[in-house]
Protein backbone atom coordinates (compact mmCIF):
# COMPACT_ATOMS: atom_id res chain seq x y z
CA MET A 1 20.29 26.09 -18.20
CA ILE A 2 17.64 26.60 -21.03
CA THR A 3 16.70 30.60 -20.47
CA ASP A 4 14.28 31.28 -23.52
CA LEU A 5 10.80 29.94 -22.46
CA VAL A 6 7.58 29.96 -24.07
CA ARG A 7 4.49 30.50 -22.22
CA ALA A 8 0.99 29.42 -22.96
CA ARG A 9 -1.39 30.36 -19.67
CA GLY A 10 -5.06 29.02 -19.29
CA ILE A 11 -5.90 27.38 -21.89
CA ARG A 12 -9.56 25.44 -21.61
CA TYR A 13 -9.30 21.55 -22.18
CA ALA A 14 -12.63 20.76 -21.33
CA THR A 15 -16.26 22.08 -19.62
CA SER A 16 -18.57 20.89 -17.78
CA SER A 17 -21.93 21.95 -16.76
CA ARG A 18 -22.20 21.05 -12.44
CA PHE A 19 -22.23 17.35 -11.51
CA ALA A 20 -21.59 16.72 -15.08
CA PRO A 21 -19.19 14.30 -16.97
CA PRO A 22 -15.91 16.92 -18.36
CA THR A 23 -16.76 17.53 -22.15
CA PRO A 24 -13.27 18.31 -24.43
CA VAL A 25 -12.47 21.49 -25.41
CA THR A 26 -10.44 21.70 -29.10
CA TRP A 27 -7.65 23.54 -28.95
CA ASP A 28 -7.93 26.86 -31.45
CA GLY A 29 -4.13 26.90 -30.96
CA VAL A 30 -4.13 30.36 -28.88
CA ARG A 31 -1.31 30.82 -26.61
CA GLY A 32 -2.82 33.35 -24.18
CA ASP A 33 -0.75 34.78 -21.14
CA GLU A 34 -3.63 35.60 -18.41
CA ARG A 35 -3.65 32.72 -15.97
CA GLY A 36 -7.03 30.73 -16.01
CA PRO A 37 -9.53 30.61 -12.64
CA ALA A 38 -9.60 28.70 -10.03
CA CYS A 39 -12.55 26.07 -8.54
CA PRO A 40 -14.08 27.41 -5.80
CA GLN A 41 -12.68 26.55 -3.09
CA PRO A 42 -12.42 27.78 0.92
CA PRO A 43 -9.29 28.88 2.70
CA SER A 44 -6.56 26.22 2.82
CA ALA A 45 -5.69 24.31 6.31
CA LEU A 46 -2.33 25.23 5.16
CA LEU A 47 -2.29 28.54 4.90
CA ALA A 48 -0.42 29.66 7.68
CA VAL A 49 2.11 27.09 6.72
CA VAL A 50 2.42 27.57 2.60
CA GLY A 51 1.40 30.89 2.35
CA ASN A 52 -1.86 31.37 -0.13
CA SER A 53 -1.80 29.15 -3.06
CA VAL A 54 -4.46 30.71 -4.96
CA GLU A 55 -3.72 34.54 -4.62
CA GLY A 56 -4.79 36.37 -7.58
CA LEU A 57 -6.67 34.00 -9.20
CA GLU A 58 -10.31 33.89 -10.28
CA PHE A 59 -12.56 31.66 -9.18
CA SER A 60 -14.81 29.22 -11.16
CA GLU A 61 -16.45 26.30 -11.66
CA ASP A 62 -15.91 26.38 -15.12
CA CYS A 63 -11.72 25.95 -13.93
CA GLN A 64 -10.93 22.82 -16.43
CA VAL A 65 -7.50 24.80 -17.99
CA LEU A 66 -4.15 24.02 -17.98
CA SER A 67 -1.33 26.12 -18.70
CA VAL A 68 2.03 25.13 -20.81
CA THR A 69 5.92 26.14 -19.74
CA ALA A 70 8.55 24.71 -22.54
CA PRO A 71 12.38 25.85 -23.88
CA ALA A 72 11.28 27.77 -26.82
CA ASP A 73 13.53 25.37 -29.56
CA ALA A 74 12.02 22.43 -27.86
CA ALA A 75 12.03 19.74 -30.18
CA GLY A 76 10.52 16.10 -28.66
CA LEU A 77 11.60 17.33 -25.37
CA PRO A 78 9.86 15.08 -22.41
CA VAL A 79 6.88 15.91 -21.19
CA MET A 80 6.08 16.77 -17.45
CA VAL A 81 2.20 16.75 -16.24
CA TRP A 82 1.73 18.22 -13.06
CA PHE A 83 -0.96 17.91 -10.60
CA HIS A 84 -1.09 20.14 -7.26
CA GLY A 85 -2.25 19.31 -3.62
CA GLY A 86 -4.50 20.61 -1.64
CA ALA A 87 -6.23 17.44 0.27
CA TYR A 88 -8.64 17.32 -3.11
CA VAL A 89 -10.46 20.69 -1.59
CA THR A 90 -8.02 23.52 -2.31
CA GLY A 91 -5.19 24.74 -4.82
CA SER A 92 -5.11 25.18 -8.59
CA GLY A 93 -2.54 24.39 -11.32
CA GLU A 94 -2.37 27.99 -12.17
CA SER A 95 -1.30 29.24 -8.51
CA PHE A 96 1.70 31.54 -8.92
CA LYS A 97 3.58 28.95 -6.48
CA TYR A 98 4.00 26.37 -9.38
CA GLU A 99 5.84 28.45 -11.56
CA THR A 100 7.67 26.05 -14.07
CA SER A 101 9.91 28.19 -15.64
CA LEU A 102 13.42 26.77 -13.93
CA LEU A 103 11.99 23.64 -14.25
CA ALA A 104 11.53 23.38 -17.61
CA SER A 105 14.99 25.07 -17.68
CA GLU A 106 15.97 21.85 -17.31
CA GLY A 107 15.17 20.79 -20.73
CA VAL A 108 11.09 19.43 -20.57
CA VAL A 109 7.79 20.65 -21.16
CA VAL A 110 6.00 21.53 -18.32
CA VAL A 111 1.63 21.13 -17.89
CA SER A 112 -0.06 22.40 -14.96
CA VAL A 113 -3.16 20.95 -14.89
CA SER A 114 -6.34 22.75 -12.97
CA TYR A 115 -9.60 20.45 -11.86
CA ARG A 116 -12.62 19.99 -10.15
CA LEU A 117 -12.38 19.89 -6.34
CA GLY A 118 -14.19 18.94 -3.20
CA VAL A 119 -17.97 18.96 -3.88
CA PHE A 120 -17.52 19.88 -7.05
CA GLY A 121 -15.14 17.39 -8.52
CA TYR A 122 -15.22 14.22 -5.94
CA LEU A 123 -18.57 14.15 -4.52
CA ARG A 124 -19.84 11.25 -6.93
CA ASP A 125 -18.91 9.57 -10.33
CA ASN A 126 -15.02 10.68 -9.60
CA LEU A 127 -15.58 14.00 -11.50
CA GLY A 128 -11.95 15.63 -10.79
CA LEU A 129 -10.57 12.15 -12.10
CA GLN A 130 -12.30 12.52 -15.29
CA ASP A 131 -10.62 15.96 -15.42
CA GLN A 132 -7.53 14.44 -15.31
CA PHE A 133 -7.57 12.16 -18.02
CA VAL A 134 -9.18 14.23 -20.46
CA ALA A 135 -6.35 16.94 -19.69
CA LEU A 136 -3.83 13.84 -20.31
CA ARG A 137 -5.41 13.73 -23.76
CA TRP A 138 -5.35 17.20 -24.70
CA VAL A 139 -1.62 16.21 -24.09
CA ARG A 140 -1.47 13.51 -26.04
CA ASP A 141 -2.90 15.33 -29.13
CA ASN A 142 -1.49 18.93 -28.45
CA ILE A 143 1.43 18.82 -27.08
CA ALA A 144 3.61 18.17 -29.95
CA SER A 145 3.00 22.19 -31.07
CA PHE A 146 5.16 23.07 -27.95
CA GLY A 147 7.71 20.77 -28.81
CA GLY A 148 7.09 18.28 -26.52
CA ASP A 149 7.14 14.14 -27.32
CA PRO A 150 3.35 12.62 -26.40
CA ALA A 151 5.06 8.85 -26.21
CA ASN A 152 7.45 10.49 -23.32
CA VAL A 153 5.36 11.93 -20.80
CA THR A 154 5.26 11.76 -16.62
CA ILE A 155 3.04 13.04 -14.20
CA PHE A 156 3.47 14.19 -11.12
CA GLY A 157 1.69 15.58 -8.11
CA GLN A 158 2.31 16.08 -4.16
CA SER A 159 -0.14 15.47 -1.10
CA ALA A 160 -3.66 14.60 -2.99
CA GLY A 161 -1.79 15.72 -6.53
CA GLY A 162 0.55 12.87 -5.71
CA ASP A 163 -2.94 10.83 -4.48
CA SER A 164 -4.49 11.96 -8.08
CA VAL A 165 -0.92 10.22 -9.70
CA TYR A 166 -1.40 7.22 -7.89
CA ALA A 167 -5.49 6.87 -9.17
CA LEU A 168 -4.20 7.74 -12.57
CA MET A 169 -1.76 4.87 -12.83
CA LEU A 170 -4.58 1.93 -11.40
CA THR A 171 -7.21 3.50 -14.07
CA ASP A 172 -5.45 4.23 -17.48
CA THR A 173 -6.49 2.19 -19.80
CA GLU A 174 -4.68 4.32 -22.47
CA SER A 175 -0.81 4.71 -21.88
CA LEU A 176 -1.42 8.23 -21.88
CA PHE A 177 1.57 9.20 -19.95
CA HIS A 178 4.79 6.40 -19.20
CA ARG A 179 6.31 7.47 -15.75
CA ALA A 180 5.33 8.82 -12.43
CA ILE A 181 6.52 10.50 -9.49
CA MET A 182 4.29 10.78 -6.08
CA GLN A 183 5.58 13.06 -3.56
CA SER A 184 4.26 13.06 -0.21
CA ALA A 185 1.12 11.32 -1.04
CA PRO A 186 -0.88 10.69 1.69
CA LEU A 187 -1.89 6.90 1.02
CA GLY A 188 -2.30 6.03 4.56
CA THR A 189 -5.65 7.64 3.91
CA ARG A 190 -7.00 5.18 1.22
CA SER A 191 -7.97 2.80 4.23
CA PRO A 192 -11.09 0.24 3.47
CA GLU A 193 -13.71 2.62 4.97
CA ARG A 194 -13.05 5.40 1.93
CA PRO A 195 -16.18 3.80 0.07
CA GLU A 196 -18.22 4.37 3.36
CA MET A 197 -17.24 7.95 3.66
CA THR A 198 -17.90 8.80 0.14
CA ALA A 199 -21.38 7.31 0.53
CA ALA A 200 -21.70 9.33 3.94
CA LEU A 201 -20.68 12.80 2.19
CA GLN A 202 -22.75 12.10 -0.56
CA ALA A 203 -26.32 10.87 2.10
CA ALA A 204 -25.36 14.57 3.88
CA ILE A 205 -24.61 17.02 1.27
CA THR A 206 -27.80 17.48 -0.74
CA VAL A 207 -26.49 20.27 -3.26
CA ASP A 208 -27.89 20.53 -7.03
CA ALA A 209 -27.02 22.59 -9.82
CA SER A 210 -29.41 25.58 -8.61
CA THR A 211 -27.50 25.69 -5.09
CA SER A 212 -24.94 28.48 -5.25
CA ALA A 213 -21.08 27.87 -5.24
CA ALA A 214 -21.42 29.77 -1.62
CA ASP A 215 -23.70 27.34 0.03
CA VAL A 216 -22.12 24.63 -1.97
CA LEU A 217 -19.03 25.04 -0.26
CA GLU A 218 -20.94 25.49 3.01
CA ALA A 219 -22.26 22.46 2.64
CA GLN A 220 -19.08 20.97 1.75
CA LEU A 221 -17.44 22.68 4.88
CA ALA A 222 -20.36 21.36 7.40
CA ALA A 223 -20.34 17.76 6.11
CA VAL A 224 -16.43 17.36 6.70
CA ALA A 225 -16.65 18.96 10.38
CA SER A 226 -19.02 15.94 11.18
CA LEU A 227 -18.18 13.33 9.34
CA GLY A 228 -14.27 13.49 8.86
CA PRO A 229 -13.96 12.30 12.82
CA GLN A 230 -15.59 9.33 12.20
CA PHE A 231 -13.97 7.96 9.53
CA VAL A 232 -9.95 7.61 10.70
CA PRO A 233 -7.51 8.14 8.74
CA SER A 234 -9.65 8.79 5.27
CA GLY A 235 -11.15 11.63 7.11
CA GLY A 236 -7.94 13.28 6.85
CA MET A 237 -8.71 13.60 2.94
CA PRO A 238 -12.36 13.15 2.49
CA PHE A 239 -12.68 14.05 -0.75
CA ALA A 240 -10.73 11.46 -3.06
CA PRO A 241 -11.55 9.26 -5.86
CA VAL A 242 -12.83 6.05 -5.13
CA VAL A 243 -10.71 3.67 -7.37
CA GLU A 244 -10.02 -0.04 -7.94
CA GLY A 245 -7.29 -0.58 -10.42
CA ASP A 246 -5.33 -2.82 -11.77
CA LEU A 247 -1.80 -2.55 -10.39
CA GLY A 248 -0.15 -5.45 -12.72
CA ALA A 249 -1.30 -3.36 -15.54
CA ALA A 250 0.48 -0.48 -13.96
CA ALA A 251 3.82 -1.53 -13.20
CA SER A 252 4.21 -3.96 -15.95
CA ARG A 253 4.76 -0.33 -18.08
CA ILE A 254 5.28 2.73 -15.57
CA GLU A 255 8.35 3.54 -13.86
CA LEU A 256 7.76 4.71 -10.49
CA LEU A 257 9.77 7.54 -8.43
CA ILE A 258 8.07 8.21 -4.63
CA GLY A 259 9.21 9.83 -1.49
CA HIS A 260 8.09 11.98 1.37
CA THR A 261 9.49 14.92 3.34
CA ALA A 262 11.09 13.59 6.99
CA ASP A 263 8.77 15.90 8.97
CA ASP A 264 5.43 15.01 6.58
CA GLY A 265 2.87 14.56 9.31
CA SER A 266 3.89 17.95 11.25
CA PRO A 267 1.46 20.79 10.65
CA TYR A 268 -1.44 18.46 11.00
CA VAL A 269 -0.44 17.83 15.14
CA PRO A 270 0.73 19.82 17.51
CA SER A 271 3.80 18.30 18.96
CA ARG A 272 6.32 16.40 17.60
CA GLU A 273 5.41 13.19 19.24
CA HIS A 274 2.13 13.09 17.24
CA TRP A 275 3.59 14.19 14.13
CA GLU A 276 6.39 11.70 13.90
CA ALA A 277 3.18 9.01 14.24
CA VAL A 278 0.88 10.85 11.53
CA THR A 279 4.41 11.04 9.29
CA GLU A 280 4.45 7.12 9.31
CA LEU A 281 0.51 6.62 9.51
CA ILE A 282 0.03 8.77 6.69
CA PHE A 283 2.73 9.54 4.51
CA ALA A 284 5.95 6.83 5.05
CA GLY A 285 3.81 3.68 5.97
CA GLY A 286 1.72 4.10 3.07
CA ALA A 287 4.67 5.02 0.62
CA ARG A 288 6.48 1.90 2.09
CA SER A 289 3.78 -0.37 1.76
CA PHE A 290 2.85 0.25 -2.02
CA VAL A 291 6.21 0.14 -3.19
CA ALA A 292 5.72 -3.40 -1.60
CA ASP A 293 2.67 -3.60 -3.80
CA TRP A 294 4.49 -2.76 -6.94
CA THR A 295 7.46 -4.48 -6.77
CA ALA A 296 5.72 -7.39 -5.75
CA ALA A 297 3.80 -6.80 -8.75
CA GLY A 298 6.37 -6.42 -11.10
CA GLY A 299 7.32 -2.56 -11.51
CA GLU A 300 10.59 -0.52 -11.13
CA VAL A 301 10.46 2.21 -8.43
CA ALA A 302 13.19 4.12 -6.90
CA THR A 303 12.09 5.83 -3.54
CA TYR A 304 13.14 9.48 -1.69
CA LEU A 305 13.46 11.50 1.40
CA PHE A 306 13.64 15.00 1.77
CA LYS A 307 15.25 16.42 4.61
CA TRP A 308 15.98 19.71 4.22
CA ALA A 309 14.46 22.36 7.24
CA PRO A 310 15.48 25.63 7.41
CA GLU A 311 17.23 26.22 11.11
CA ASN A 312 15.16 26.19 13.80
CA ALA A 313 11.83 25.39 11.92
CA PRO A 314 8.81 25.23 13.89
CA LEU A 315 8.17 22.25 11.57
CA GLY A 316 11.02 20.18 10.47
CA SER A 317 10.99 19.38 6.99
CA CYS A 318 7.43 19.62 6.56
CA HIS A 319 4.36 18.63 4.26
CA CYS A 320 5.21 20.63 1.20
CA MET A 321 8.43 21.43 1.86
CA GLU A 322 10.59 20.43 -1.17
CA LEU A 323 7.88 22.49 -3.16
CA PRO A 324 9.91 26.00 -3.39
CA PHE A 325 13.02 23.59 -4.87
CA LEU A 326 10.87 22.01 -7.41
CA PHE A 327 9.27 25.07 -8.65
CA ASP A 328 10.83 29.35 -8.44
CA PRO A 329 11.13 30.04 -4.92
CA GLU A 330 10.27 33.10 -5.00
CA PRO A 331 6.72 33.21 -4.44
CA TRP A 332 7.47 31.22 -1.37
CA LEU A 333 9.67 33.38 0.43
CA GLY A 334 7.73 34.37 3.80
CA ALA A 335 5.77 31.03 4.01
CA GLY A 336 5.78 30.22 7.41
CA MET A 337 6.98 26.69 6.98
CA LEU A 338 10.63 28.46 5.83
CA ALA A 339 10.96 30.48 9.10
CA GLY A 340 12.39 33.41 7.24
CA ALA A 341 14.82 31.11 5.21
CA LYS A 342 15.66 30.47 1.35
CA PRO A 343 15.79 27.27 -0.12
CA ASP A 344 19.36 25.92 -0.67
CA PRO A 345 19.80 26.69 -4.11
CA GLU A 346 22.61 24.13 -5.17
CA LEU A 347 19.76 21.58 -2.87
CA ALA A 348 16.90 22.95 -5.61
CA GLN A 349 18.94 22.96 -8.89
CA THR A 350 19.71 19.15 -7.90
CA ILE A 351 15.84 18.03 -6.87
CA ARG A 352 14.65 19.82 -10.82
CA SER A 353 17.54 17.70 -12.73
CA THR A 354 17.12 14.68 -10.71
CA TRP A 355 13.16 15.03 -11.83
CA ALA A 356 13.55 16.35 -15.66
CA GLY A 357 16.22 13.92 -15.48
CA PHE A 358 13.67 10.87 -15.00
CA ALA A 359 11.19 12.45 -17.00
CA ARG A 360 13.85 11.87 -19.82
CA ASP A 361 15.79 8.58 -18.99
CA GLY A 362 13.49 7.40 -15.84
CA LEU A 363 14.93 5.12 -13.39
CA ALA A 364 18.16 4.71 -15.44
CA ALA A 365 19.22 8.48 -14.88
CA LEU A 366 19.14 8.55 -11.06
CA PRO A 367 22.33 7.84 -9.00
CA SER A 368 20.15 5.29 -6.94
CA ARG A 369 17.00 3.53 -6.35
CA THR A 370 17.03 4.87 -2.82
CA LEU A 371 17.82 9.15 -2.57
CA GLU A 372 18.32 11.48 0.13
CA PHE A 373 18.01 15.58 -0.22
CA GLY A 374 19.31 17.60 2.04
CA GLY A 375 19.52 16.97 5.74
């Protein structure tokens, strides 16, 4: 395992005024060590489950930053670009919970991306998705300076980050990445009424450039509380990019690894009977349907199921449970979902080496096209 790493935090890849498309920022080569800001956001709905993912970060609408972790002697290494989750309304790539040192130690260059959220990023024009594309162009143009190979880029993300991977795959016309990992993407919320849900939000949230960020968030919360129940299942993730892409074009050039946790739905409903139904409706069923469409379009894919859960865990192998295995576990200790336990270090090593191996050599690196972890 590589232990000598270099880090550059809070690199600005774009700037913009409110509700405007991102303007790319040319990197000056400076490698800072201060974490960048998070987009203004309400408290996470999963705070009791995963803890505070933005603790210690400043909030700013000027949040289009990324951070890089790489082996010190990197040269031509595969690149992994992380898109965080949080239902498109919370979280940040700068979070301490996404510390990438152990993953980079597997011999990959890791980039963590922050992008605009909620009303700021997804009320109109898919601005958050535009941010993500500008970040990927930054990677293409600059990652060789960190020893990364711009011709071998894997994008990966969990929850809304996994949904971001979906949207990026379907709309990338520049071949900015070559492989993709979708972790617990809530594809079941991508129902036919999503455009109608977005239109309803646009009608309900009447804010402009002069509205304070606090008032924007207040309007966002009020609209979600009112409209979310009217648009099930899309209302479970009201803010998301509305895309119409070319599945065939994506499937022809991208290798895909997709999966979910065994009990993804458990944090969202009160009983085991209901959490199994939510897991199937939003996560498992959506992934299975997408895999069928992907393979029908000629795509190559492997699937995984993450089953590890701490003993006597009240939520089982719940949403986000694989994250302390993929990233450094220390910031996750004490999270409610772990019920006082620590992630199994051998399983964590397996997860990181599997993800890094896929980034390096694609599906050929995997021991099987159907993977299970833990349980």
